[in-house]
Every structure is written in structure tokens, then in C-alpha cells.
PDB file of N, CA and C in Angstrom:
ATOM      1  N   MET A   1     -33.400  40.957  49.707  1.00  0.00           N
ATOM      2  CA  MET A   1     -32.113  40.396  50.032  1.00  0.00           C
ATOM      3  C   MET A   1     -31.209  40.546  48.816  1.00  0.00           C
ATOM      4  N   SER A   2     -30.023  41.056  49.008  1.00  0.00           N
ATOM      5  CA  SER A   2     -29.102  41.230  47.890  1.00  0.00           C
ATOM      6  C   SER A   2     -28.220  39.996  47.740  1.00  0.00           C
ATOM      7  N   ALA A   3     -27.754  39.787  46.530  1.00  0.00           N
ATOM      8  CA  ALA A   3     -26.902  38.637  46.239  1.00  0.00           C
ATOM      9  C   ALA A   3     -25.477  39.116  46.017  1.00  0.00           C
ATOM     10  N   ALA A   4     -24.523  38.303  46.415  1.00  0.00           N
ATOM     11  CA  ALA A   4     -23.111  38.601  46.187  1.00  0.00           C
ATOM     12  C   ALA A   4     -22.573  37.575  45.199  1.00  0.00           C
ATOM     13  N   ILE A   5     -21.716  38.030  44.328  1.00  0.00           N
ATOM     14  CA  ILE A   5     -21.124  37.148  43.339  1.00  0.00           C
ATOM     15  C   ILE A   5     -19.673  36.911  43.727  1.00  0.00           C
ATOM     16  N   ALA A   6     -19.316  35.640  43.862  1.00  0.00           N
ATOM     17  CA  ALA A   6     -17.948  35.275  44.218  1.00  0.00           C
ATOM     18  C   ALA A   6     -17.170  34.965  42.945  1.00  0.00           C
ATOM     19  N   THR A   7     -15.930  35.397  42.924  1.00  0.00           N
ATOM     20  CA  THR A   7     -15.062  35.110  41.782  1.00  0.00           C
ATOM     21  C   THR A   7     -14.348  33.780  42.011  1.00  0.00           C
ATOM     22  N   LYS A   8     -13.692  33.293  40.977  1.00  0.00           N
ATOM     23  CA  LYS A   8     -12.906  32.067  41.105  1.00  0.00           C
ATOM     24  C   LYS A   8     -11.803  32.275  42.130  1.00  0.00           C
ATOM     25  N   GLU A   9     -11.215  33.448  42.164  1.00  0.00           N
ATOM     26  CA  GLU A   9     -10.163  33.741  43.142  1.00  0.00           C
ATOM     27  C   GLU A   9     -10.727  33.681  44.567  1.00  0.00           C
ATOM     28  N   ASP A  10     -11.945  34.196  44.755  1.00  0.00           N
ATOM     29  CA  ASP A  10     -12.589  34.123  46.068  1.00  0.00           C
ATOM     30  C   ASP A  10     -12.782  32.661  46.471  1.00  0.00           C
ATOM     31  N   PHE A  11     -13.264  31.858  45.536  1.00  0.00           N
ATOM     32  CA  PHE A  11     -13.492  30.446  45.815  1.00  0.00           C
ATOM     33  C   PHE A  11     -12.180  29.741  46.140  1.00  0.00           C
ATOM     34  N   ASP A  12     -11.133  30.007  45.359  1.00  0.00           N
ATOM     35  CA  ASP A  12      -9.833  29.367  45.590  1.00  0.00           C
ATOM     36  C   ASP A  12      -9.282  29.730  46.970  1.00  0.00           C
ATOM     37  N   LYS A  13      -9.413  30.998  47.332  1.00  0.00           N
ATOM     38  CA  LYS A  13      -8.938  31.445  48.643  1.00  0.00           C
ATOM     39  C   LYS A  13      -9.741  30.758  49.748  1.00  0.00           C
ATOM     40  N   PHE A  14     -11.045  30.671  49.578  1.00  0.00           N
ATOM     41  CA  PHE A  14     -11.908  30.008  50.541  1.00  0.00           C
ATOM     42  C   PHE A  14     -11.526  28.536  50.677  1.00  0.00           C
ATOM     43  N   GLN A  15     -11.291  27.890  49.548  1.00  0.00           N
ATOM     44  CA  GLN A  15     -10.923  26.478  49.554  1.00  0.00           C
ATOM     45  C   GLN A  15      -9.598  26.261  50.287  1.00  0.00           C
ATOM     46  N   ARG A  16      -8.599  27.117  50.034  1.00  0.00           N
ATOM     47  CA  ARG A  16      -7.313  26.995  50.727  1.00  0.00           C
ATOM     48  C   ARG A  16      -7.485  27.184  52.232  1.00  0.00           C
ATOM     49  N   THR A  17      -8.339  28.123  52.610  1.00  0.00           N
ATOM     50  CA  THR A  17      -8.597  28.370  54.029  1.00  0.00           C
ATOM     51  C   THR A  17      -9.227  27.151  54.682  1.00  0.00           C
ATOM     52  N   ILE A  18     -10.216  26.564  54.032  1.00  0.00           N
ATOM     53  CA  ILE A  18     -10.890  25.383  54.566  1.00  0.00           C
ATOM     54  C   ILE A  18      -9.925  24.211  54.690  1.00  0.00           C
ATOM     55  N   VAL A  19      -9.111  23.984  53.676  1.00  0.00           N
ATOM     56  CA  VAL A  19      -8.146  22.884  53.714  1.00  0.00           C
ATOM     57  C   VAL A  19      -7.177  23.085  54.874  1.00  0.00           C
ATOM     58  N   LYS A  20      -6.693  24.315  55.050  1.00  0.00           N
ATOM     59  CA  LYS A  20      -5.777  24.616  56.158  1.00  0.00           C
ATOM     60  C   LYS A  20      -6.457  24.348  57.498  1.00  0.00           C
ATOM     61  N   MET A  21      -7.693  24.799  57.650  1.00  0.00           N
ATOM     62  CA  MET A  21      -8.412  24.599  58.906  1.00  0.00           C
ATOM     63  C   MET A  21      -8.637  23.110  59.174  1.00  0.00           C
ATOM     64  N   LEU A  22      -8.992  22.355  58.149  1.00  0.00           N
ATOM     65  CA  LEU A  22      -9.213  20.918  58.326  1.00  0.00           C
ATOM     66  C   LEU A  22      -7.933  20.206  58.749  1.00  0.00           C
ATOM     67  N   LYS A  23      -6.815  20.596  58.156  1.00  0.00           N
ATOM     68  CA  LYS A  23      -5.531  19.998  58.546  1.00  0.00           C
ATOM     69  C   LYS A  23      -5.228  20.305  60.004  1.00  0.00           C
ATOM     70  N   GLU A  24      -5.457  21.550  60.411  1.00  0.00           N
ATOM     71  CA  GLU A  24      -5.194  21.934  61.798  1.00  0.00           C
ATOM     72  C   GLU A  24      -6.120  21.192  62.753  1.00  0.00           C
ATOM     73  N   VAL A  25      -7.378  21.082  62.376  1.00  0.00           N
ATOM     74  CA  VAL A  25      -8.342  20.367  63.226  1.00  0.00           C
ATOM     75  C   VAL A  25      -7.951  18.899  63.325  1.00  0.00           C
ATOM     76  N   ASN A  26      -7.576  18.286  62.201  1.00  0.00           N
ATOM     77  CA  ASN A  26      -7.164  16.880  62.226  1.00  0.00           C
ATOM     78  C   ASN A  26      -5.952  16.672  63.116  1.00  0.00           C
ATOM     79  N   ASN A  27      -5.037  17.631  63.141  1.00  0.00           N
ATOM     80  CA  ASN A  27      -3.847  17.515  63.969  1.00  0.00           C
ATOM     81  C   ASN A  27      -4.164  17.649  65.446  1.00  0.00           C
ATOM     82  N   SER A  28      -5.266  18.293  65.779  1.00  0.00           N
ATOM     83  CA  SER A  28      -5.553  18.525  67.190  1.00  0.00           C
ATOM     84  C   SER A  28      -6.778  17.769  67.695  1.00  0.00           C
ATOM     85  N   THR A  29      -7.409  16.964  66.853  1.00  0.00           N
ATOM     86  CA  THR A  29      -8.623  16.289  67.286  1.00  0.00           C
ATOM     87  C   THR A  29      -8.377  15.310  68.416  1.00  0.00           C
ATOM     88  N   GLN A  30      -7.179  14.841  68.570  1.00  0.00           N
ATOM     89  CA  GLN A  30      -6.866  13.913  69.646  1.00  0.00           C
ATOM     90  C   GLN A  30      -6.716  14.646  70.982  1.00  0.00           C
ATOM     91  N   LYS A  31      -6.556  15.949  70.932  1.00  0.00           N
ATOM     92  CA  LYS A  31      -6.344  16.718  72.152  1.00  0.00           C
ATOM     93  C   LYS A  31      -7.668  17.035  72.832  1.00  0.00           C
ATOM     94  N   GLU A  32      -7.728  16.777  74.118  1.00  0.00           N
ATOM     95  CA  GLU A  32      -8.931  17.079  74.882  1.00  0.00           C
ATOM     96  C   GLU A  32      -8.966  18.558  75.280  1.00  0.00           C
ATOM     97  N   TRP A  33      -7.796  19.134  75.505  1.00  0.00           N
ATOM     98  CA  TRP A  33      -7.686  20.533  75.940  1.00  0.00           C
ATOM     99  C   TRP A  33      -6.839  21.310  74.945  1.00  0.00           C
ATOM    100  N   LEU A  34      -7.228  22.559  74.683  1.00  0.00           N
ATOM    101  CA  LEU A  34      -6.514  23.427  73.745  1.00  0.00           C
ATOM    102  C   LEU A  34      -6.002  24.668  74.467  1.00  0.00           C
ATOM    103  N   THR A  35      -4.838  25.131  74.040  1.00  0.00           N
ATOM    104  CA  THR A  35      -4.332  26.396  74.553  1.00  0.00           C
ATOM    105  C   THR A  35      -5.089  27.541  73.885  1.00  0.00           C
ATOM    106  N   LYS A  36      -4.917  28.723  74.396  1.00  0.00           N
ATOM    107  CA  LYS A  36      -5.535  29.904  73.791  1.00  0.00           C
ATOM    108  C   LYS A  36      -5.096  30.030  72.337  1.00  0.00           C
ATOM    109  N   GLU A  37      -3.815  29.865  72.103  1.00  0.00           N
ATOM    110  CA  GLU A  37      -3.273  30.023  70.751  1.00  0.00           C
ATOM    111  C   GLU A  37      -3.877  29.003  69.790  1.00  0.00           C
ATOM    112  N   GLU A  38      -4.069  27.772  70.256  1.00  0.00           N
ATOM    113  CA  GLU A  38      -4.677  26.744  69.403  1.00  0.00           C
ATOM    114  C   GLU A  38      -6.129  27.090  69.085  1.00  0.00           C
ATOM    115  N   CYS A  39      -6.862  27.582  70.073  1.00  0.00           N
ATOM    116  CA  CYS A  39      -8.255  27.991  69.846  1.00  0.00           C
ATOM    117  C   CYS A  39      -8.330  29.107  68.810  1.00  0.00           C
ATOM    118  N   LEU A  40      -7.467  30.100  68.966  1.00  0.00           N
ATOM    119  CA  LEU A  40      -7.480  31.239  68.051  1.00  0.00           C
ATOM    120  C   LEU A  40      -7.134  30.798  66.630  1.00  0.00           C
ATOM    121  N   SER A  41      -6.139  29.942  66.505  1.00  0.00           N
ATOM    122  CA  SER A  41      -5.690  29.485  65.193  1.00  0.00           C
ATOM    123  C   SER A  41      -6.709  28.551  64.533  1.00  0.00           C
ATOM    124  N   LEU A  42      -7.222  27.594  65.291  1.00  0.00           N
ATOM    125  CA  LEU A  42      -8.136  26.605  64.728  1.00  0.00           C
ATOM    126  C   LEU A  42      -9.466  27.193  64.301  1.00  0.00           C
ATOM    127  N   TYR A  43      -9.986  28.099  65.102  1.00  0.00           N
ATOM    128  CA  TYR A  43     -11.347  28.567  64.870  1.00  0.00           C
ATOM    129  C   TYR A  43     -11.435  30.007  64.396  1.00  0.00           C
ATOM    130  N   GLY A  44     -10.293  30.663  64.259  1.00  0.00           N
ATOM    131  CA  GLY A  44     -10.280  32.004  63.688  1.00  0.00           C
ATOM    132  C   GLY A  44     -10.998  33.049  64.527  1.00  0.00           C
ATOM    133  N   ILE A  45     -11.053  32.837  65.825  1.00  0.00           N
ATOM    134  CA  ILE A  45     -11.688  33.832  66.685  1.00  0.00           C
ATOM    135  C   ILE A  45     -10.633  34.768  67.255  1.00  0.00           C
ATOM    136  N   LYS A  46     -11.066  35.875  67.745  1.00  0.00           N
ATOM    137  CA  LYS A  46     -10.163  36.871  68.317  1.00  0.00           C
ATOM    138  C   LYS A  46      -9.923  36.556  69.794  1.00  0.00           C
ATOM    139  N   ASP A  47      -8.791  37.031  70.295  1.00  0.00           N
ATOM    140  CA  ASP A  47      -8.422  36.843  71.688  1.00  0.00           C
ATOM    141  C   ASP A  47      -9.513  37.371  72.618  1.00  0.00           C
ATOM    142  N   ARG A  48     -10.034  38.555  72.313  1.00  0.00           N
ATOM    143  CA  ARG A  48     -11.064  39.162  73.155  1.00  0.00           C
ATOM    144  C   ARG A  48     -12.345  38.317  73.169  1.00  0.00           C
ATOM    145  N   THR A  49     -12.687  37.731  72.024  1.00  0.00           N
ATOM    146  CA  THR A  49     -13.877  36.885  71.953  1.00  0.00           C
ATOM    147  C   THR A  49     -13.709  35.659  72.849  1.00  0.00           C
ATOM    148  N   LEU A  50     -12.546  35.035  72.788  1.00  0.00           N
ATOM    149  CA  LEU A  50     -12.292  33.864  73.633  1.00  0.00           C
ATOM    150  C   LEU A  50     -12.341  34.233  75.112  1.00  0.00           C
ATOM    151  N   THR A  51     -11.779  35.380  75.455  1.00  0.00           N
ATOM    152  CA  THR A  51     -11.827  35.857  76.839  1.00  0.00           C
ATOM    153  C   THR A  51     -13.268  36.060  77.286  1.00  0.00           C
ATOM    154  N   GLU A  52     -14.080  36.667  76.431  1.00  0.00           N
ATOM    155  CA  GLU A  52     -15.485  36.896  76.762  1.00  0.00           C
ATOM    156  C   GLU A  52     -16.251  35.577  76.922  1.00  0.00           C
ATOM    157  N   LEU A  53     -15.968  34.614  76.058  1.00  0.00           N
ATOM    158  CA  LEU A  53     -16.609  33.310  76.174  1.00  0.00           C
ATOM    159  C   LEU A  53     -16.238  32.640  77.495  1.00  0.00           C
ATOM    160  N   ARG A  54     -15.002  32.809  77.910  1.00  0.00           N
ATOM    161  CA  ARG A  54     -14.558  32.251  79.181  1.00  0.00           C
ATOM    162  C   ARG A  54     -15.220  32.971  80.351  1.00  0.00           C
ATOM    163  N   GLN A  55     -15.226  34.306  80.312  1.00  0.00           N
ATOM    164  CA  GLN A  55     -15.780  35.090  81.411  1.00  0.00           C
ATOM    165  C   GLN A  55     -17.277  34.886  81.586  1.00  0.00           C
ATOM    166  N   THR A  56     -17.976  34.626  80.502  1.00  0.00           N
ATOM    167  CA  THR A  56     -19.422  34.394  80.573  1.00  0.00           C
ATOM    168  C   THR A  56     -19.753  32.914  80.734  1.00  0.00           C
ATOM    169  N   ARG A  57     -18.702  32.092  80.898  1.00  0.00           N
ATOM    170  CA  ARG A  57     -18.838  30.651  81.127  1.00  0.00           C
ATOM    171  C   ARG A  57     -19.573  29.931  79.988  1.00  0.00           C
ATOM    172  N   LYS A  58     -19.337  30.391  78.769  1.00  0.00           N
ATOM    173  CA  LYS A  58     -19.945  29.738  77.609  1.00  0.00           C
ATOM    174  C   LYS A  58     -19.083  28.594  77.090  1.00  0.00           C
ATOM    175  N   VAL A  59     -17.832  28.540  77.545  1.00  0.00           N
ATOM    176  CA  VAL A  59     -16.937  27.426  77.219  1.00  0.00           C
ATOM    177  C   VAL A  59     -16.319  26.913  78.516  1.00  0.00           C
ATOM    178  N   VAL A  60     -16.014  25.630  78.506  1.00  0.00           N
ATOM    179  CA  VAL A  60     -15.377  25.006  79.664  1.00  0.00           C
ATOM    180  C   VAL A  60     -13.880  25.278  79.589  1.00  0.00           C
ATOM    181  N   PHE A  61     -13.310  25.678  80.714  1.00  0.00           N
ATOM    182  CA  PHE A  61     -11.876  25.944  80.750  1.00  0.00           C
ATOM    183  C   PHE A  61     -11.309  25.533  82.095  1.00  0.00           C
ATOM    184  N   SER A  62      -9.999  25.437  82.136  1.00  0.00           N
ATOM    185  CA  SER A  62      -9.286  25.169  83.377  1.00  0.00           C
ATOM    186  C   SER A  62      -8.176  26.202  83.479  1.00  0.00           C
ATOM    187  N   LYS A  63      -7.913  26.648  84.682  1.00  0.00           N
ATOM    188  CA  LYS A  63      -6.888  27.668  84.878  1.00  0.00           C
ATOM    189  C   LYS A  63      -5.869  27.156  85.883  1.00  0.00           C
ATOM    190  N   VAL A  64      -4.624  27.140  85.458  1.00  0.00           N
ATOM    191  CA  VAL A  64      -3.517  26.758  86.325  1.00  0.00           C
ATOM    192  C   VAL A  64      -2.560  27.949  86.347  1.00  0.00           C
ATOM    193  N   GLY A  65      -2.450  28.578  87.493  1.00  0.00           N
ATOM    194  CA  GLY A  65      -1.662  29.805  87.560  1.00  0.00           C
ATOM    195  C   GLY A  65      -2.329  30.863  86.713  1.00  0.00           C
ATOM    196  N   ASN A  66      -1.611  31.433  85.777  1.00  0.00           N
ATOM    197  CA  ASN A  66      -2.160  32.450  84.880  1.00  0.00           C
ATOM    198  C   ASN A  66      -2.505  31.901  83.504  1.00  0.00           C
ATOM    199  N   THR A  67      -2.449  30.592  83.350  1.00  0.00           N
ATOM    200  CA  THR A  67      -2.677  29.976  82.045  1.00  0.00           C
ATOM    201  C   THR A  67      -4.037  29.285  82.004  1.00  0.00           C
ATOM    202  N   CYS A  68      -4.809  29.629  80.976  1.00  0.00           N
ATOM    203  CA  CYS A  68      -6.111  28.982  80.759  1.00  0.00           C
ATOM    204  C   CYS A  68      -5.991  28.011  79.596  1.00  0.00           C
ATOM    205  N   ILE A  69      -6.623  26.855  79.750  1.00  0.00           N
ATOM    206  CA  ILE A  69      -6.764  25.918  78.647  1.00  0.00           C
ATOM    207  C   ILE A  69      -8.247  25.632  78.498  1.00  0.00           C
ATOM    208  N   TYR A  70      -8.658  25.295  77.277  1.00  0.00           N
ATOM    209  CA  TYR A  70     -10.071  25.210  76.938  1.00  0.00           C
ATOM    210  C   TYR A  70     -10.428  23.800  76.500  1.00  0.00           C
ATOM    211  N   LYS A  71     -11.563  23.316  76.970  1.00  0.00           N
ATOM    212  CA  LYS A  71     -12.046  21.985  76.614  1.00  0.00           C
ATOM    213  C   LYS A  71     -12.479  22.014  75.142  1.00  0.00           C
ATOM    214  N   HIS A  72     -11.822  21.201  74.332  1.00  0.00           N
ATOM    215  CA  HIS A  72     -12.058  21.199  72.886  1.00  0.00           C
ATOM    216  C   HIS A  72     -13.526  20.923  72.562  1.00  0.00           C
ATOM    217  N   ASP A  73     -14.108  19.930  73.207  1.00  0.00           N
ATOM    218  CA  ASP A  73     -15.514  19.597  72.951  1.00  0.00           C
ATOM    219  C   ASP A  73     -16.438  20.765  73.246  1.00  0.00           C
ATOM    220  N   SER A  74     -16.085  21.565  74.232  1.00  0.00           N
ATOM    221  CA  SER A  74     -16.894  22.715  74.600  1.00  0.00           C
ATOM    222  C   SER A  74     -16.902  23.772  73.493  1.00  0.00           C
ATOM    223  N   ILE A  75     -15.747  23.973  72.868  1.00  0.00           N
ATOM    224  CA  ILE A  75     -15.645  24.928  71.759  1.00  0.00           C
ATOM    225  C   ILE A  75     -16.489  24.433  70.580  1.00  0.00           C
ATOM    226  N   ILE A  76     -16.360  23.148  70.262  1.00  0.00           N
ATOM    227  CA  ILE A  76     -17.116  22.571  69.150  1.00  0.00           C
ATOM    228  C   ILE A  76     -18.616  22.652  69.430  1.00  0.00           C
ATOM    229  N   GLU A  77     -19.006  22.358  70.649  1.00  0.00           N
ATOM    230  CA  GLU A  77     -20.416  22.422  71.023  1.00  0.00           C
ATOM    231  C   GLU A  77     -20.972  23.835  70.857  1.00  0.00           C
ATOM    232  N   LEU A  78     -20.204  24.838  71.255  1.00  0.00           N
ATOM    233  CA  LEU A  78     -20.621  26.233  71.111  1.00  0.00           C
ATOM    234  C   LEU A  78     -20.821  26.584  69.630  1.00  0.00           C
ATOM    235  N   ILE A  79     -19.909  26.140  68.797  1.00  0.00           N
ATOM    236  CA  ILE A  79     -20.017  26.402  67.355  1.00  0.00           C
ATOM    237  C   ILE A  79     -21.274  25.739  66.803  1.00  0.00           C
ATOM    238  N   GLU A  80     -21.515  24.498  67.177  1.00  0.00           N
ATOM    239  CA  GLU A  80     -22.701  23.785  66.705  1.00  0.00           C
ATOM    240  C   GLU A  80     -23.990  24.462  67.168  1.00  0.00           C
ATOM    241  N   GLU A  81     -24.018  24.916  68.413  1.00  0.00           N
ATOM    242  CA  GLU A  81     -25.207  25.570  68.949  1.00  0.00           C
ATOM    243  C   GLU A  81     -25.522  26.879  68.227  1.00  0.00           C
ATOM    244  N   ASN A  82     -24.499  27.513  67.670  1.00  0.00           N
ATOM    245  CA  ASN A  82     -24.678  28.814  67.038  1.00  0.00           C
ATOM    246  C   ASN A  82     -24.651  28.770  65.515  1.00  0.00           C
ATOM    247  N   LYS A  83     -24.680  27.570  64.958  1.00  0.00           N
ATOM    248  CA  LYS A  83     -24.628  27.485  63.490  1.00  0.00           C
ATOM    249  C   LYS A  83     -25.935  27.997  62.902  1.00  0.00           C
ATOM    250  N   ILE A  84     -25.834  28.517  61.712  1.00  0.00           N
ATOM    251  CA  ILE A  84     -26.972  29.018  60.985  1.00  0.00           C
ATOM    252  C   ILE A  84     -27.104  28.175  59.723  1.00  0.00           C
ATOM    253  N   GLU A  85     -28.216  27.527  59.600  1.00  0.00           N
ATOM    254  CA  GLU A  85     -28.444  26.633  58.469  1.00  0.00           C
ATOM    255  C   GLU A  85     -28.583  27.444  57.172  1.00  0.00           C
ATOM    256  N   ALA A  86     -28.161  26.848  56.090  1.00  0.00           N
ATOM    257  CA  ALA A  86     -28.298  27.460  54.771  1.00  0.00           C
ATOM    258  C   ALA A  86     -29.763  27.455  54.360  1.00  0.00           C
ATOM    259  N   MET A  87     -30.127  28.443  53.581  1.00  0.00           N
ATOM    260  CA  MET A  87     -31.495  28.503  53.067  1.00  0.00           C
ATOM    261  C   MET A  87     -31.625  27.548  51.895  1.00  0.00           C
ATOM    262  N   SER A  88     -32.700  26.807  51.860  1.00  0.00           N
ATOM    263  CA  SER A  88     -32.908  25.907  50.720  1.00  0.00           C
ATOM    264  C   SER A  88     -33.723  26.648  49.671  1.00  0.00           C
ATOM    265  N   HIS A  89     -33.413  26.381  48.429  1.00  0.00           N
ATOM    266  CA  HIS A  89     -34.104  27.057  47.318  1.00  0.00           C
ATOM    267  C   HIS A  89     -34.969  26.101  46.577  1.00  0.00           C
TER     268      HIS A  89
END
């Protein structure tokens, strides 16, 4: 297994990204349903990935006309189910 070395700039960029994501999540945690745009922004997934998750019924959604909204808890549950634990040393 090869090791990667992160620079201070890499860490700073990562930290800014995490802070931004936490702020966005905190702003939307009260929402039970998310729009496509909110899902993409909050979780950094691609439009095609979200479409595939919907088509394979891996996330709960509702469709009114041509607009889909996604159950927030369902997205979080999917992320939790697919998390990969860190290796302990």
C-alpha cells in the first residue's frame, strides 16, 4: 500500500471544504425533503449519480410533475451504509 503526503495547503483546502459542507448541512437539517440542487450541493455528488440512485430505488424520492425531491434521511442513510471505516494503526 502506498502512502500519500498531504501539504498544509491540501489540509487548509480540505478544512474549508468541510466547514462549508457543515454550514450547508446545518442550514438544511430541518428540511425533510431536498431538491436535486440541494442534494448535489450538500453531498458533492453528480447529477447522473443522483439519477441512478433514484432509478435503482436506493434513495426515497417523490415526483410531482417533472420535479423530483429526495428524502433527506434516505440520503444520509445511504451514505452511512456505504461508509468505509479508517484503518487503525
